[in-house]
């Protein structure tokens, strides 16, 4: 099907994908277009297994979930919802769809071990699972260290223990070495998946991270020699 004969929903998704691809193509912190593309595709697959999910809301939520991440906007939690609404308004999207996509972006982030992050919609739960799956496993390991390098963080410092952040403000202010991020977030995502399909995938990816960390810490101390 050509774009000229596509439905309005498919046109909106295509234009949004093009907009995000151009914006994030050469981003270097692990929050690049390829991350967003993976989240989009996984969210679509999860939605296809969830009859009650609205595919348009799911796809737009996935494509726009990092459009203006608070991590790169001085901690501003509303930067993402504002940017998403601005884009969707420019595309004359249905206001009800905009509201639902905004809610996904507002709710999706991990905010610390002590802070629950429930999603208010089934579409949000699917996008959150897709985003969290991309934060674990081999890709998750690579992205963690890419982000740590982007933020000029140490790889590891045994003298700096992990912290279970009880507030979002505490989590946002964290500047600990990258290895701490596994203990403060990534190793806990398996148990926070929303869907059975995501939980199945998370098991293998979680096991890979545990194996990686064991090898990393042995090499850190030279115990493998």
C-alpha atoms as a PDB file:
ATOM      1  CA  UNK A   1       0.000   0.000   0.000  1.00  0.00           C
ATOM      2  CA  UNK A   2       1.327   3.422  -0.932  1.00  0.00           C
ATOM      3  CA  UNK A   3       1.274   6.237   1.605  1.00  0.00           C
ATOM      4  CA  UNK A   4      -1.106   8.158  -0.636  1.00  0.00           C
ATOM      5  CA  UNK A   5      -3.716   5.432  -0.147  1.00  0.00           C
ATOM      6  CA  UNK A   6      -2.919   4.648   3.499  1.00  0.00           C
ATOM      7  CA  UNK A   7      -5.364   5.264   6.298  1.00  0.00           C
ATOM      8  CA  UNK A   8      -5.009   8.427   8.440  1.00  0.00           C
ATOM      9  CA  UNK A   9      -3.709   6.295  11.322  1.00  0.00           C
ATOM     10  CA  UNK A  10      -0.970   4.727   9.195  1.00  0.00           C
ATOM     11  CA  UNK A  11      -0.008   8.121   7.814  1.00  0.00           C
ATOM     12  CA  UNK A  12       0.295   9.548  11.330  1.00  0.00           C
ATOM     13  CA  UNK A  13       2.446   6.631  12.457  1.00  0.00           C
ATOM     14  CA  UNK A  14       4.669   6.910   9.370  1.00  0.00           C
ATOM     15  CA  UNK A  15       5.162  10.648   9.800  1.00  0.00           C
ATOM     16  CA  UNK A  16       5.874  10.224  13.503  1.00  0.00           C
ATOM     17  CA  UNK A  17       8.465   7.531  12.790  1.00  0.00           C
ATOM     18  CA  UNK A  18      10.160   9.800  10.235  1.00  0.00           C
ATOM     19  CA  UNK A  19      10.138  12.710  12.708  1.00  0.00           C
ATOM     20  CA  UNK A  20      11.690  10.640  15.491  1.00  0.00           C
ATOM     21  CA  UNK A  21      14.207   8.939  13.197  1.00  0.00           C
ATOM     22  CA  UNK A  22      15.531  12.299  12.025  1.00  0.00           C
ATOM     23  CA  UNK A  23      15.628  13.686  15.567  1.00  0.00           C
ATOM     24  CA  UNK A  24      17.468  10.747  17.163  1.00  0.00           C
ATOM     25  CA  UNK A  25      19.436   9.087  14.364  1.00  0.00           C
ATOM     26  CA  UNK A  26      22.899  10.058  15.673  1.00  0.00           C
ATOM     27  CA  UNK A  27      22.148  10.286  19.394  1.00  0.00           C
ATOM     28  CA  UNK A  28      24.988   8.703  21.389  1.00  0.00           C
ATOM     29  CA  UNK A  29      23.694   7.860  24.863  1.00  0.00           C
ATOM     30  CA  UNK A  30      21.811   4.667  24.018  1.00  0.00           C
ATOM     31  CA  UNK A  31      18.516   6.557  23.651  1.00  0.00           C
ATOM     32  CA  UNK A  32      18.873   6.736  19.882  1.00  0.00           C
ATOM     33  CA  UNK A  33      16.589   5.941  16.959  1.00  0.00           C
ATOM     34  CA  UNK A  34      17.514   2.250  17.042  1.00  0.00           C
ATOM     35  CA  UNK A  35      16.416   2.032  20.693  1.00  0.00           C
ATOM     36  CA  UNK A  36      13.133   3.721  19.840  1.00  0.00           C
ATOM     37  CA  UNK A  37      12.681   1.511  16.763  1.00  0.00           C
ATOM     38  CA  UNK A  38      13.155  -1.627  18.863  1.00  0.00           C
ATOM     39  CA  UNK A  39      10.690  -0.415  21.496  1.00  0.00           C
ATOM     40  CA  UNK A  40       8.200   0.410  18.736  1.00  0.00           C
ATOM     41  CA  UNK A  41       8.488  -3.014  17.114  1.00  0.00           C
ATOM     42  CA  UNK A  42       8.303  -4.944  20.395  1.00  0.00           C
ATOM     43  CA  UNK A  43       5.329  -2.872  21.560  1.00  0.00           C
ATOM     44  CA  UNK A  44       3.587  -3.679  18.274  1.00  0.00           C
ATOM     45  CA  UNK A  45       4.209  -7.393  18.787  1.00  0.00           C
ATOM     46  CA  UNK A  46       2.898  -7.240  22.339  1.00  0.00           C
ATOM     47  CA  UNK A  47      -0.171  -5.297  21.180  1.00  0.00           C
ATOM     48  CA  UNK A  48      -0.873  -7.900  18.503  1.00  0.00           C
ATOM     49  CA  UNK A  49      -1.210 -10.427  21.350  1.00  0.00           C
ATOM     50  CA  UNK A  50      -3.491  -8.090  23.353  1.00  0.00           C
ATOM     51  CA  UNK A  51      -6.917  -7.778  21.698  1.00  0.00           C
ATOM     52  CA  UNK A  52      -8.025  -4.905  23.919  1.00  0.00           C
ATOM     53  CA  UNK A  53      -5.022  -2.729  23.006  1.00  0.00           C
ATOM     54  CA  UNK A  54      -5.436   0.232  20.667  1.00  0.00           C
ATOM     55  CA  UNK A  55      -2.658  -0.152  18.101  1.00  0.00           C
ATOM     56  CA  UNK A  56      -2.494   3.546  17.178  1.00  0.00           C
ATOM     57  CA  UNK A  57      -2.048   4.632  20.802  1.00  0.00           C
ATOM     58  CA  UNK A  58       0.491   1.861  21.392  1.00  0.00           C
ATOM     59  CA  UNK A  59       2.600   2.756  18.352  1.00  0.00           C
ATOM     60  CA  UNK A  60       2.531   6.494  18.979  1.00  0.00           C
ATOM     61  CA  UNK A  61       3.346   5.972  22.652  1.00  0.00           C
ATOM     62  CA  UNK A  62       6.337   3.821  21.710  1.00  0.00           C
ATOM     63  CA  UNK A  63       7.603   6.191  19.028  1.00  0.00           C
ATOM     64  CA  UNK A  64       7.274   9.273  21.245  1.00  0.00           C
ATOM     65  CA  UNK A  65       8.224   7.811  24.628  1.00  0.00           C
ATOM     66  CA  UNK A  66      11.702   9.403  24.547  1.00  0.00           C
ATOM     67  CA  UNK A  67      10.858  12.498  22.489  1.00  0.00           C
ATOM     68  CA  UNK A  68      12.075  14.769  25.322  1.00  0.00           C
ATOM     69  CA  UNK A  69      13.314  12.531  28.134  1.00  0.00           C
ATOM     70  CA  UNK A  70      13.669  14.241  31.520  1.00  0.00           C
ATOM     71  CA  UNK A  71      17.249  12.883  31.736  1.00  0.00           C
ATOM     72  CA  UNK A  72      18.255  15.266  28.957  1.00  0.00           C
ATOM     73  CA  UNK A  73      16.009  18.181  29.940  1.00  0.00           C
ATOM     74  CA  UNK A  74      17.238  19.155  33.403  1.00  0.00           C
ATOM     75  CA  UNK A  75      14.906  16.705  35.126  1.00  0.00           C
ATOM     76  CA  UNK A  76      11.783  18.291  33.637  1.00  0.00           C
ATOM     77  CA  UNK A  77       9.200  15.494  33.798  1.00  0.00           C
ATOM     78  CA  UNK A  78       6.748  17.395  31.611  1.00  0.00           C
ATOM     79  CA  UNK A  79       9.163  18.026  28.724  1.00  0.00           C
ATOM     80  CA  UNK A  80       8.200  14.749  27.057  1.00  0.00           C
ATOM     81  CA  UNK A  81       4.418  15.122  27.308  1.00  0.00           C
ATOM     82  CA  UNK A  82       4.678  18.722  26.059  1.00  0.00           C
ATOM     83  CA  UNK A  83       6.829  17.768  23.075  1.00  0.00           C
ATOM     84  CA  UNK A  84       4.570  14.852  22.173  1.00  0.00           C
ATOM     85  CA  UNK A  85       1.459  17.033  22.295  1.00  0.00           C
ATOM     86  CA  UNK A  86       3.143  19.701  20.193  1.00  0.00           C
ATOM     87  CA  UNK A  87       4.039  17.150  17.514  1.00  0.00           C
ATOM     88  CA  UNK A  88       0.637  15.448  17.522  1.00  0.00           C
ATOM     89  CA  UNK A  89      -1.127  18.801  17.456  1.00  0.00           C
ATOM     90  CA  UNK A  90       0.893  19.747  14.377  1.00  0.00           C
ATOM     91  CA  UNK A  91      -0.384  16.541  12.780  1.00  0.00           C
ATOM     92  CA  UNK A  92      -4.029  17.249  13.731  1.00  0.00           C
ATOM     93  CA  UNK A  93      -4.264  14.097  15.826  1.00  0.00           C
ATOM     94  CA  UNK A  94      -7.425  13.259  17.745  1.00  0.00           C
ATOM     95  CA  UNK A  95      -7.279  15.046  21.153  1.00  0.00           C
ATOM     96  CA  UNK A  96      -8.302  11.828  22.914  1.00  0.00           C
ATOM     97  CA  UNK A  97      -5.350  10.020  21.330  1.00  0.00           C
ATOM     98  CA  UNK A  98      -3.030  12.849  22.383  1.00  0.00           C
ATOM     99  CA  UNK A  99      -4.231  12.563  25.979  1.00  0.00           C
ATOM    100  CA  UNK A 100      -3.563   8.831  26.048  1.00  0.00           C
ATOM    101  CA  UNK A 101      -0.114   9.159  24.497  1.00  0.00           C
ATOM    102  CA  UNK A 102       0.782  11.938  26.940  1.00  0.00           C
ATOM    103  CA  UNK A 103      -0.221   9.698  29.839  1.00  0.00           C
ATOM    104  CA  UNK A 104       2.065   6.919  28.585  1.00  0.00           C
ATOM    105  CA  UNK A 105       5.032   9.285  28.395  1.00  0.00           C
ATOM    106  CA  UNK A 106       4.282  10.763  31.806  1.00  0.00           C
ATOM    107  CA  UNK A 107       3.992   7.387  33.532  1.00  0.00           C
ATOM    108  CA  UNK A 108       6.519   5.153  31.762  1.00  0.00           C
ATOM    109  CA  UNK A 109       9.782   6.023  33.521  1.00  0.00           C
ATOM    110  CA  UNK A 110      11.420   3.981  36.240  1.00  0.00           C
ATOM    111  CA  UNK A 111      11.561   6.295  39.260  1.00  0.00           C
ATOM    112  CA  UNK A 112      13.532   4.339  41.874  1.00  0.00           C
ATOM    113  CA  UNK A 113      13.184   0.955  43.580  1.00  0.00           C
ATOM    114  CA  UNK A 114      10.896   2.385  46.240  1.00  0.00           C
ATOM    115  CA  UNK A 115       8.591   4.165  43.791  1.00  0.00           C
ATOM    116  CA  UNK A 116       5.743   2.217  42.135  1.00  0.00           C
ATOM    117  CA  UNK A 117       5.225   2.989  38.433  1.00  0.00           C
ATOM    118  CA  UNK A 118       1.831   1.547  37.455  1.00  0.00           C
ATOM    119  CA  UNK A 119       0.483   2.354  34.017  1.00  0.00           C
ATOM    120  CA  UNK A 120      -3.077   3.656  33.696  1.00  0.00           C
ATOM    121  CA  UNK A 121      -3.739   2.000  30.321  1.00  0.00           C
ATOM    122  CA  UNK A 122      -3.134  -1.335  28.665  1.00  0.00           C
ATOM    123  CA  UNK A 123      -1.260   0.473  25.878  1.00  0.00           C
ATOM    124  CA  UNK A 124       0.998   2.098  28.449  1.00  0.00           C
ATOM    125  CA  UNK A 125       1.743  -1.280  30.026  1.00  0.00           C
ATOM    126  CA  UNK A 126       2.794  -2.637  26.630  1.00  0.00           C
ATOM    127  CA  UNK A 127       5.077   0.308  25.845  1.00  0.00           C
ATOM    128  CA  UNK A 128       6.581   0.167  29.329  1.00  0.00           C
ATOM    129  CA  UNK A 129       7.339  -3.550  28.897  1.00  0.00           C
ATOM    130  CA  UNK A 130       8.933  -2.928  25.496  1.00  0.00           C
ATOM    131  CA  UNK A 131      11.053  -0.094  26.878  1.00  0.00           C
ATOM    132  CA  UNK A 132      12.152  -2.132  29.885  1.00  0.00           C
ATOM    133  CA  UNK A 133      13.030  -5.160  27.771  1.00  0.00           C
ATOM    134  CA  UNK A 134      15.398  -2.914  25.822  1.00  0.00           C
ATOM    135  CA  UNK A 135      17.068  -1.942  29.102  1.00  0.00           C
ATOM    136  CA  UNK A 136      18.099  -5.510  29.961  1.00  0.00           C
ATOM    137  CA  UNK A 137      19.997  -8.352  28.302  1.00  0.00           C
ATOM    138  CA  UNK A 138      22.925  -7.786  25.943  1.00  0.00           C
ATOM    139  CA  UNK A 139      21.440  -4.605  24.502  1.00  0.00           C
ATOM    140  CA  UNK A 140      20.716  -3.370  28.018  1.00  0.00           C
ATOM    141  CA  UNK A 141      24.336  -3.907  29.076  1.00  0.00           C
ATOM    142  CA  UNK A 142      25.573  -1.992  26.028  1.00  0.00           C
ATOM    143  CA  UNK A 143      23.101   0.839  26.577  1.00  0.00           C
ATOM    144  CA  UNK A 144      23.954   1.143  30.274  1.00  0.00           C
ATOM    145  CA  UNK A 145      27.623   1.712  29.543  1.00  0.00           C
ATOM    146  CA  UNK A 146      26.870   3.987  26.596  1.00  0.00           C
ATOM    147  CA  UNK A 147      24.780   6.188  28.901  1.00  0.00           C
ATOM    148  CA  UNK A 148      27.416   6.050  31.638  1.00  0.00           C
ATOM    149  CA  UNK A 149      30.073   7.218  29.193  1.00  0.00           C
ATOM    150  CA  UNK A 150      27.755   9.933  27.908  1.00  0.00           C
ATOM    151  CA  UNK A 151      27.400  11.171  31.500  1.00  0.00           C
ATOM    152  CA  UNK A 152      31.132  10.762  32.231  1.00  0.00           C
ATOM    153  CA  UNK A 153      30.489   8.191  34.962  1.00  0.00           C
ATOM    154  CA  UNK A 154      32.955   5.638  36.297  1.00  0.00           C
ATOM    155  CA  UNK A 155      32.519   2.037  35.208  1.00  0.00           C
ATOM    156  CA  UNK A 156      32.642   0.743  38.774  1.00  0.00           C
ATOM    157  CA  UNK A 157      33.763   1.786  42.242  1.00  0.00           C
ATOM    158  CA  UNK A 158      33.486  -0.864  44.977  1.00  0.00           C
ATOM    159  CA  UNK A 159      33.557   1.922  47.575  1.00  0.00           C
ATOM    160  CA  UNK A 160      30.262   3.345  46.275  1.00  0.00           C
ATOM    161  CA  UNK A 161      27.405   1.017  47.264  1.00  0.00           C
ATOM    162  CA  UNK A 162      24.140   0.831  45.322  1.00  0.00           C
ATOM    163  CA  UNK A 163      21.214   2.837  46.696  1.00  0.00           C
ATOM    164  CA  UNK A 164      17.533   1.847  46.749  1.00  0.00           C
ATOM    165  CA  UNK A 165      16.037   5.210  45.854  1.00  0.00           C
ATOM    166  CA  UNK A 166      12.761   5.880  47.653  1.00  0.00           C
ATOM    167  CA  UNK A 167      11.863   9.032  45.744  1.00  0.00           C
ATOM    168  CA  UNK A 168      12.028  10.095  42.118  1.00  0.00           C
ATOM    169  CA  UNK A 169      14.039  13.162  43.105  1.00  0.00           C
ATOM    170  CA  UNK A 170      16.676  10.973  44.734  1.00  0.00           C
ATOM    171  CA  UNK A 171      16.803   8.750  41.652  1.00  0.00           C
ATOM    172  CA  UNK A 172      17.114  11.701  39.281  1.00  0.00           C
ATOM    173  CA  UNK A 173      20.056  13.117  41.232  1.00  0.00           C
ATOM    174  CA  UNK A 174      21.987   9.842  41.194  1.00  0.00           C
ATOM    175  CA  UNK A 175      25.494  10.025  39.661  1.00  0.00           C
ATOM    176  CA  UNK A 176      26.829   6.639  40.784  1.00  0.00           C
ATOM    177  CA  UNK A 177      29.102   4.398  38.670  1.00  0.00           C
ATOM    178  CA  UNK A 178      27.429   2.468  35.866  1.00  0.00           C
ATOM    179  CA  UNK A 179      27.635  -0.952  37.542  1.00  0.00           C
ATOM    180  CA  UNK A 180      25.477   0.397  40.372  1.00  0.00           C
ATOM    181  CA  UNK A 181      22.710   0.990  37.839  1.00  0.00           C
ATOM    182  CA  UNK A 182      22.313  -2.766  37.447  1.00  0.00           C
ATOM    183  CA  UNK A 183      21.623  -3.188  41.168  1.00  0.00           C
ATOM    184  CA  UNK A 184      19.547  -0.033  41.478  1.00  0.00           C
ATOM    185  CA  UNK A 185      17.321  -0.705  38.453  1.00  0.00           C
ATOM    186  CA  UNK A 186      18.146  -3.198  35.715  1.00  0.00           C
ATOM    187  CA  UNK A 187      18.178  -6.376  37.825  1.00  0.00           C
ATOM    188  CA  UNK A 188      14.729  -5.454  39.156  1.00  0.00           C
ATOM    189  CA  UNK A 189      12.971  -4.972  35.826  1.00  0.00           C
ATOM    190  CA  UNK A 190      12.229  -8.671  35.312  1.00  0.00           C
ATOM    191  CA  UNK A 191       9.833  -8.665  38.265  1.00  0.00           C
ATOM    192  CA  UNK A 192       8.156  -5.441  37.080  1.00  0.00           C
ATOM    193  CA  UNK A 193       7.031  -6.600  33.642  1.00  0.00           C
ATOM    194  CA  UNK A 194       3.315  -6.253  33.001  1.00  0.00           C
ATOM    195  CA  UNK A 195       2.631  -8.982  30.454  1.00  0.00           C
ATOM    196  CA  UNK A 196       3.317 -12.734  30.323  1.00  0.00           C
ATOM    197  CA  UNK A 197       5.138 -12.380  26.984  1.00  0.00           C
ATOM    198  CA  UNK A 198       7.496  -9.723  28.363  1.00  0.00           C
ATOM    199  CA  UNK A 199       8.108 -11.763  31.503  1.00  0.00           C
ATOM    200  CA  UNK A 200       9.165 -14.761  29.398  1.00  0.00           C
ATOM    201  CA  UNK A 201      11.651 -12.691  27.395  1.00  0.00           C
ATOM    202  CA  UNK A 202      12.907 -10.952  30.539  1.00  0.00           C
ATOM    203  CA  UNK A 203      13.954 -14.270  32.131  1.00  0.00           C
ATOM    204  CA  UNK A 204      16.639 -14.942  29.503  1.00  0.00           C
ATOM    205  CA  UNK A 205      17.811 -11.343  29.375  1.00  0.00           C
ATOM    206  CA  UNK A 206      18.014 -11.167  33.171  1.00  0.00           C
ATOM    207  CA  UNK A 207      20.119 -14.326  33.277  1.00  0.00           C
ATOM    208  CA  UNK A 208      22.502 -12.816  30.712  1.00  0.00           C
ATOM    209  CA  UNK A 209      23.003  -9.717  32.875  1.00  0.00           C
ATOM    210  CA  UNK A 210      23.739 -11.832  35.937  1.00  0.00           C
ATOM    211  CA  UNK A 211      26.313 -13.794  33.960  1.00  0.00           C
ATOM    212  CA  UNK A 212      27.868 -10.590  32.628  1.00  0.00           C
ATOM    213  CA  UNK A 213      28.125  -9.006  36.080  1.00  0.00           C
ATOM    214  CA  UNK A 214      29.703 -12.124  37.545  1.00  0.00           C
ATOM    215  CA  UNK A 215      32.358 -12.121  34.822  1.00  0.00           C
ATOM    216  CA  UNK A 216      32.861  -8.346  35.080  1.00  0.00           C
ATOM    217  CA  UNK A 217      33.470  -8.465  38.839  1.00  0.00           C
ATOM    218  CA  UNK A 218      35.857 -11.428  38.537  1.00  0.00           C
ATOM    219  CA  UNK A 219      37.872  -9.574  35.929  1.00  0.00           C
ATOM    220  CA  UNK A 220      37.747  -6.356  37.981  1.00  0.00           C
ATOM    221  CA  UNK A 221      39.636  -8.116  40.778  1.00  0.00           C
ATOM    222  CA  UNK A 222      41.762 -10.238  38.440  1.00  0.00           C
ATOM    223  CA  UNK A 223      40.214 -13.401  39.867  1.00  0.00           C
ATOM    224  CA  UNK A 224      40.006 -15.036  36.452  1.00  0.00           C
ATOM    225  CA  UNK A 225      43.789 -15.207  36.114  1.00  0.00           C
END
